[in-house]
Amino acid sequence: MGIDIKLDEEKLKKILKDSKPIFAIIDEIGGEMREPTGLNIEYYYTSLDKLSGCYTYLSPLYKKLAAVKTNNEVGKYVALRKASEDDEKKFVSTELIGSPLTKLRIFVLLEIL
């Protein structure tokens, strides 16, 4: 599945719609694992195969969407920086790290007095 660099609401909804059967499989197996009455070892092997297939489908999709998100953020950053330079305002960029997995970027435009 190819993903365009620019994603709009329609394309995101289509990706979600195409992925719903995968999430349904994951939800079904998760529900059965929470109540493991009468499950045998064959069921666990079958479920593992299904979940591996789901991961194989979702992993590259997630990586592509994460790359598109990063590209969009960089594009917005560059546009803000360019706009501030055109308006002769000072541009300050700060990165705060809340945890090793989370990055929060705050872009602040300060007007030169």
N, C-alpha and C. Protein backbone atom coordinates (compact mmCIF):
# COMPACT_ATOMS: atom_id res chain seq x y z
N MET A 1 0.85 -1.18 0.00
CA MET A 1 0.00 0.00 0.00
C MET A 1 0.89 1.23 0.00
N GLY A 2 0.81 2.05 -1.05
CA GLY A 2 1.59 3.27 -1.12
C GLY A 2 0.90 4.38 -0.34
N ILE A 3 1.70 5.21 0.27
CA ILE A 3 1.17 6.32 1.05
C ILE A 3 1.71 7.61 0.46
N ASP A 4 0.81 8.54 0.14
CA ASP A 4 1.21 9.83 -0.39
C ASP A 4 1.92 10.63 0.70
N ILE A 5 2.79 11.54 0.24
CA ILE A 5 3.50 12.39 1.18
C ILE A 5 2.52 13.32 1.89
N LYS A 6 1.56 13.85 1.16
CA LYS A 6 0.55 14.72 1.76
C LYS A 6 -0.69 13.89 2.05
N LEU A 7 -1.06 13.78 3.30
CA LEU A 7 -2.25 13.03 3.68
C LEU A 7 -3.35 14.00 4.07
N ASP A 8 -4.53 13.78 3.54
CA ASP A 8 -5.67 14.56 3.96
C ASP A 8 -6.64 13.64 4.70
N GLU A 9 -7.74 14.19 5.16
CA GLU A 9 -8.71 13.42 5.95
C GLU A 9 -9.24 12.21 5.19
N GLU A 10 -9.52 12.38 3.90
CA GLU A 10 -10.07 11.29 3.09
C GLU A 10 -9.10 10.11 3.01
N LYS A 11 -7.83 10.41 2.79
CA LYS A 11 -6.83 9.34 2.67
C LYS A 11 -6.62 8.64 4.00
N LEU A 12 -6.62 9.40 5.09
CA LEU A 12 -6.48 8.79 6.41
C LEU A 12 -7.67 7.89 6.73
N LYS A 13 -8.87 8.33 6.37
CA LYS A 13 -10.06 7.50 6.60
C LYS A 13 -10.00 6.22 5.78
N LYS A 14 -9.47 6.30 4.56
CA LYS A 14 -9.34 5.10 3.73
C LYS A 14 -8.34 4.12 4.34
N ILE A 15 -7.21 4.62 4.84
CA ILE A 15 -6.22 3.75 5.48
C ILE A 15 -6.83 3.09 6.70
N LEU A 16 -7.58 3.86 7.50
CA LEU A 16 -8.23 3.29 8.68
C LEU A 16 -9.26 2.24 8.28
N LYS A 17 -10.05 2.53 7.25
CA LYS A 17 -11.06 1.58 6.78
C LYS A 17 -10.40 0.29 6.30
N ASP A 18 -9.30 0.41 5.56
CA ASP A 18 -8.58 -0.77 5.06
C ASP A 18 -7.97 -1.59 6.20
N SER A 19 -7.65 -0.93 7.31
CA SER A 19 -7.00 -1.61 8.44
C SER A 19 -7.98 -2.16 9.46
N LYS A 20 -9.26 -1.82 9.36
CA LYS A 20 -10.23 -2.27 10.36
C LYS A 20 -10.30 -3.78 10.51
N PRO A 21 -10.25 -4.57 9.43
CA PRO A 21 -10.27 -6.03 9.62
C PRO A 21 -9.08 -6.54 10.44
N ILE A 22 -7.94 -5.89 10.29
CA ILE A 22 -6.75 -6.28 11.06
C ILE A 22 -6.98 -6.01 12.54
N PHE A 23 -7.52 -4.82 12.86
CA PHE A 23 -7.79 -4.49 14.26
C PHE A 23 -8.88 -5.38 14.84
N ALA A 24 -9.82 -5.82 14.01
CA ALA A 24 -10.87 -6.73 14.47
C ALA A 24 -10.27 -8.08 14.87
N ILE A 25 -9.31 -8.57 14.09
CA ILE A 25 -8.63 -9.82 14.43
C ILE A 25 -7.90 -9.68 15.75
N ILE A 26 -7.19 -8.58 15.93
CA ILE A 26 -6.44 -8.34 17.16
C ILE A 26 -7.40 -8.26 18.35
N ASP A 27 -8.51 -7.54 18.21
CA ASP A 27 -9.50 -7.43 19.29
C ASP A 27 -10.11 -8.79 19.63
N GLU A 28 -10.41 -9.57 18.60
CA GLU A 28 -11.01 -10.90 18.83
C GLU A 28 -10.06 -11.81 19.61
N ILE A 29 -8.81 -11.85 19.18
CA ILE A 29 -7.83 -12.70 19.88
C ILE A 29 -7.59 -12.18 21.29
N GLY A 30 -7.51 -10.86 21.44
CA GLY A 30 -7.32 -10.29 22.78
C GLY A 30 -8.46 -10.63 23.71
N GLY A 31 -9.70 -10.58 23.21
CA GLY A 31 -10.85 -10.94 24.03
C GLY A 31 -10.83 -12.40 24.44
N GLU A 32 -10.45 -13.27 23.53
CA GLU A 32 -10.38 -14.70 23.84
C GLU A 32 -9.25 -15.01 24.81
N MET A 33 -8.17 -14.27 24.73
CA MET A 33 -7.04 -14.51 25.64
C MET A 33 -7.34 -14.02 27.06
N ARG A 34 -8.21 -13.03 27.17
CA ARG A 34 -8.57 -12.55 28.52
C ARG A 34 -9.42 -13.57 29.25
N GLU A 35 -10.16 -14.40 28.51
CA GLU A 35 -10.98 -15.45 29.11
C GLU A 35 -10.56 -16.78 28.51
N PRO A 36 -9.43 -17.33 28.95
CA PRO A 36 -8.86 -18.50 28.29
C PRO A 36 -9.49 -19.84 28.67
N THR A 37 -10.78 -19.89 28.89
CA THR A 37 -11.43 -21.15 29.25
C THR A 37 -11.53 -22.05 28.02
N GLY A 38 -10.99 -23.25 28.12
CA GLY A 38 -11.11 -24.23 27.06
C GLY A 38 -10.19 -24.03 25.87
N LEU A 39 -9.20 -23.17 25.99
CA LEU A 39 -8.29 -22.97 24.87
C LEU A 39 -7.16 -23.99 24.94
N ASN A 40 -6.77 -24.49 23.78
CA ASN A 40 -5.68 -25.48 23.73
C ASN A 40 -4.45 -24.89 23.07
N ILE A 41 -3.39 -25.68 23.02
CA ILE A 41 -2.12 -25.19 22.49
C ILE A 41 -2.21 -24.87 21.00
N GLU A 42 -3.03 -25.60 20.26
CA GLU A 42 -3.21 -25.33 18.83
C GLU A 42 -3.79 -23.92 18.61
N TYR A 43 -4.72 -23.56 19.48
CA TYR A 43 -5.32 -22.23 19.37
C TYR A 43 -4.25 -21.16 19.57
N TYR A 44 -3.37 -21.37 20.53
CA TYR A 44 -2.31 -20.39 20.78
C TYR A 44 -1.39 -20.26 19.56
N TYR A 45 -1.03 -21.39 18.94
CA TYR A 45 -0.18 -21.33 17.75
C TYR A 45 -0.89 -20.63 16.59
N THR A 46 -2.16 -20.92 16.40
CA THR A 46 -2.94 -20.28 15.35
C THR A 46 -3.05 -18.78 15.60
N SER A 47 -3.31 -18.42 16.87
CA SER A 47 -3.41 -17.00 17.22
C SER A 47 -2.08 -16.28 17.01
N LEU A 48 -1.00 -16.95 17.36
CA LEU A 48 0.32 -16.35 17.16
C LEU A 48 0.58 -16.10 15.68
N ASP A 49 0.20 -17.05 14.83
CA ASP A 49 0.36 -16.86 13.38
C ASP A 49 -0.47 -15.67 12.90
N LYS A 50 -1.72 -15.56 13.37
CA LYS A 50 -2.58 -14.45 12.96
C LYS A 50 -2.00 -13.11 13.43
N LEU A 51 -1.55 -13.07 14.68
CA LEU A 51 -0.99 -11.82 15.21
C LEU A 51 0.31 -11.45 14.50
N SER A 52 1.10 -12.43 14.11
CA SER A 52 2.31 -12.16 13.34
C SER A 52 1.97 -11.54 11.99
N GLY A 53 0.91 -12.05 11.37
CA GLY A 53 0.45 -11.49 10.11
C GLY A 53 -0.03 -10.06 10.28
N CYS A 54 -0.75 -9.80 11.36
CA CYS A 54 -1.23 -8.44 11.64
C CYS A 54 -0.05 -7.50 11.83
N TYR A 55 0.95 -7.95 12.56
CA TYR A 55 2.14 -7.13 12.78
C TYR A 55 2.85 -6.85 11.46
N THR A 56 2.95 -7.87 10.62
CA THR A 56 3.61 -7.72 9.32
C THR A 56 2.90 -6.69 8.46
N TYR A 57 1.59 -6.62 8.57
CA TYR A 57 0.82 -5.63 7.81
C TYR A 57 0.96 -4.24 8.41
N LEU A 58 0.82 -4.14 9.75
CA LEU A 58 0.76 -2.84 10.41
C LEU A 58 2.12 -2.16 10.59
N SER A 59 3.18 -2.92 10.76
CA SER A 59 4.49 -2.34 11.06
C SER A 59 4.98 -1.40 9.95
N PRO A 60 5.02 -1.83 8.68
CA PRO A 60 5.47 -0.89 7.65
C PRO A 60 4.50 0.28 7.46
N LEU A 61 3.22 0.02 7.65
CA LEU A 61 2.22 1.09 7.54
C LEU A 61 2.48 2.16 8.59
N TYR A 62 2.73 1.72 9.83
CA TYR A 62 3.03 2.67 10.90
C TYR A 62 4.30 3.47 10.59
N LYS A 63 5.34 2.79 10.11
CA LYS A 63 6.59 3.49 9.81
C LYS A 63 6.38 4.55 8.73
N LYS A 64 5.60 4.23 7.71
CA LYS A 64 5.34 5.20 6.64
C LYS A 64 4.53 6.37 7.18
N LEU A 65 3.50 6.09 7.99
CA LEU A 65 2.69 7.17 8.54
C LEU A 65 3.50 8.04 9.49
N ALA A 66 4.39 7.44 10.27
CA ALA A 66 5.24 8.22 11.17
C ALA A 66 6.18 9.12 10.37
N ALA A 67 6.70 8.62 9.25
CA ALA A 67 7.57 9.43 8.40
C ALA A 67 6.79 10.59 7.78
N VAL A 68 5.56 10.32 7.34
CA VAL A 68 4.73 11.39 6.77
C VAL A 68 4.44 12.45 7.82
N LYS A 69 4.14 12.01 9.05
CA LYS A 69 3.86 12.95 10.14
C LYS A 69 5.09 13.83 10.40
N THR A 70 6.25 13.23 10.47
CA THR A 70 7.48 13.98 10.70
C THR A 70 7.73 14.98 9.56
N ASN A 71 7.53 14.53 8.33
CA ASN A 71 7.71 15.43 7.18
C ASN A 71 6.75 16.61 7.24
N ASN A 72 5.51 16.35 7.63
CA ASN A 72 4.53 17.44 7.75
C ASN A 72 4.92 18.41 8.85
N GLU A 73 5.42 17.89 9.98
CA GLU A 73 5.84 18.76 11.08
C GLU A 73 7.03 19.63 10.65
N VAL A 74 7.97 19.03 9.94
CA VAL A 74 9.13 19.80 9.46
C VAL A 74 8.67 20.87 8.48
N GLY A 75 7.73 20.52 7.62
CA GLY A 75 7.19 21.50 6.67
C GLY A 75 6.55 22.68 7.37
N LYS A 76 5.78 22.40 8.43
CA LYS A 76 5.15 23.47 9.20
C LYS A 76 6.20 24.32 9.92
N TYR A 77 7.23 23.65 10.44
CA TYR A 77 8.31 24.35 11.12
C TYR A 77 9.02 25.32 10.17
N VAL A 78 9.34 24.82 8.98
CA VAL A 78 10.02 25.66 7.99
C VAL A 78 9.12 26.82 7.57
N ALA A 79 7.83 26.57 7.40
CA ALA A 79 6.90 27.63 7.02
C ALA A 79 6.81 28.70 8.10
N LEU A 80 6.76 28.28 9.38
CA LEU A 80 6.72 29.24 10.49
C LEU A 80 8.01 30.07 10.52
N ARG A 81 9.12 29.37 10.35
CA ARG A 81 10.41 30.07 10.38
C ARG A 81 10.51 31.08 9.24
N LYS A 82 10.10 30.66 8.06
CA LYS A 82 10.14 31.55 6.89
C LYS A 82 9.22 32.74 7.09
N ALA A 83 8.01 32.49 7.62
CA ALA A 83 7.06 33.59 7.86
C ALA A 83 7.61 34.58 8.87
N SER A 84 8.27 34.07 9.91
CA SER A 84 8.82 34.99 10.91
C SER A 84 9.96 35.82 10.33
N GLU A 85 10.77 35.21 9.47
CA GLU A 85 11.85 35.97 8.84
C GLU A 85 11.31 37.02 7.88
N ASP A 86 10.24 36.67 7.16
CA ASP A 86 9.62 37.63 6.24
C ASP A 86 9.01 38.81 6.99
N ASP A 87 8.48 38.57 8.20
CA ASP A 87 7.87 39.62 9.02
C ASP A 87 8.88 40.32 9.91
N GLU A 88 10.17 39.96 9.76
CA GLU A 88 11.25 40.50 10.57
C GLU A 88 11.01 40.30 12.06
N LYS A 89 10.57 39.10 12.41
CA LYS A 89 10.38 38.73 13.81
C LYS A 89 11.43 37.69 14.17
N LYS A 90 11.74 37.64 15.45
CA LYS A 90 12.71 36.66 15.92
C LYS A 90 12.02 35.31 16.08
N PHE A 91 12.66 34.27 15.62
CA PHE A 91 12.10 32.92 15.71
C PHE A 91 12.89 32.12 16.73
N VAL A 92 12.19 31.55 17.71
CA VAL A 92 12.84 30.74 18.74
C VAL A 92 12.20 29.36 18.71
N SER A 93 13.03 28.34 18.64
CA SER A 93 12.55 26.96 18.62
C SER A 93 13.10 26.24 19.84
N THR A 94 12.23 25.55 20.57
CA THR A 94 12.62 24.84 21.78
C THR A 94 12.11 23.42 21.72
N GLU A 95 12.92 22.47 22.15
CA GLU A 95 12.49 21.08 22.22
C GLU A 95 12.52 20.64 23.67
N LEU A 96 11.40 20.11 24.14
CA LEU A 96 11.30 19.60 25.49
C LEU A 96 11.15 18.09 25.42
N ILE A 97 11.87 17.38 26.26
CA ILE A 97 11.76 15.93 26.27
C ILE A 97 11.10 15.52 27.57
N GLY A 98 9.87 14.96 27.47
CA GLY A 98 9.14 14.52 28.65
C GLY A 98 9.53 13.12 29.06
N SER A 99 9.82 12.27 28.10
CA SER A 99 10.26 10.91 28.36
C SER A 99 11.11 10.49 27.16
N PRO A 100 11.82 9.37 27.28
CA PRO A 100 12.65 8.96 26.14
C PRO A 100 11.84 8.69 24.87
N LEU A 101 10.57 8.37 25.00
CA LEU A 101 9.76 8.03 23.83
C LEU A 101 8.95 9.19 23.30
N THR A 102 8.86 10.27 24.09
CA THR A 102 7.98 11.37 23.70
C THR A 102 8.78 12.64 23.51
N LYS A 103 8.54 13.30 22.40
CA LYS A 103 9.16 14.61 22.17
C LYS A 103 8.05 15.60 21.94
N LEU A 104 8.18 16.70 22.61
CA LEU A 104 7.21 17.77 22.44
C LEU A 104 7.95 18.99 21.94
N ARG A 105 7.53 19.49 20.80
CA ARG A 105 8.19 20.67 20.25
C ARG A 105 7.28 21.86 20.40
N ILE A 106 7.87 22.92 20.84
CA ILE A 106 7.13 24.17 20.99
C ILE A 106 7.83 25.22 20.14
N PHE A 107 7.07 25.82 19.28
CA PHE A 107 7.60 26.86 18.42
C PHE A 107 7.02 28.19 18.89
N VAL A 108 7.90 29.09 19.19
CA VAL A 108 7.49 30.37 19.72
C VAL A 108 7.98 31.48 18.80
N LEU A 109 7.10 32.35 18.44
CA LEU A 109 7.48 33.52 17.66
C LEU A 109 7.50 34.73 18.61
N LEU A 110 8.64 35.36 18.65
CA LEU A 110 8.77 36.56 19.48
C LEU A 110 8.96 37.76 18.58
N GLU A 111 8.18 38.76 18.81
CA GLU A 111 8.28 39.96 17.99
C GLU A 111 9.42 40.82 18.53
N ILE A 112 10.27 41.27 17.63
CA ILE A 112 11.36 42.16 18.04
C ILE A 112 10.78 43.56 18.24
N LEU A 113 11.02 44.10 19.40
CA LEU A 113 10.50 45.44 19.71
C LEU A 113 11.43 46.52 19.23
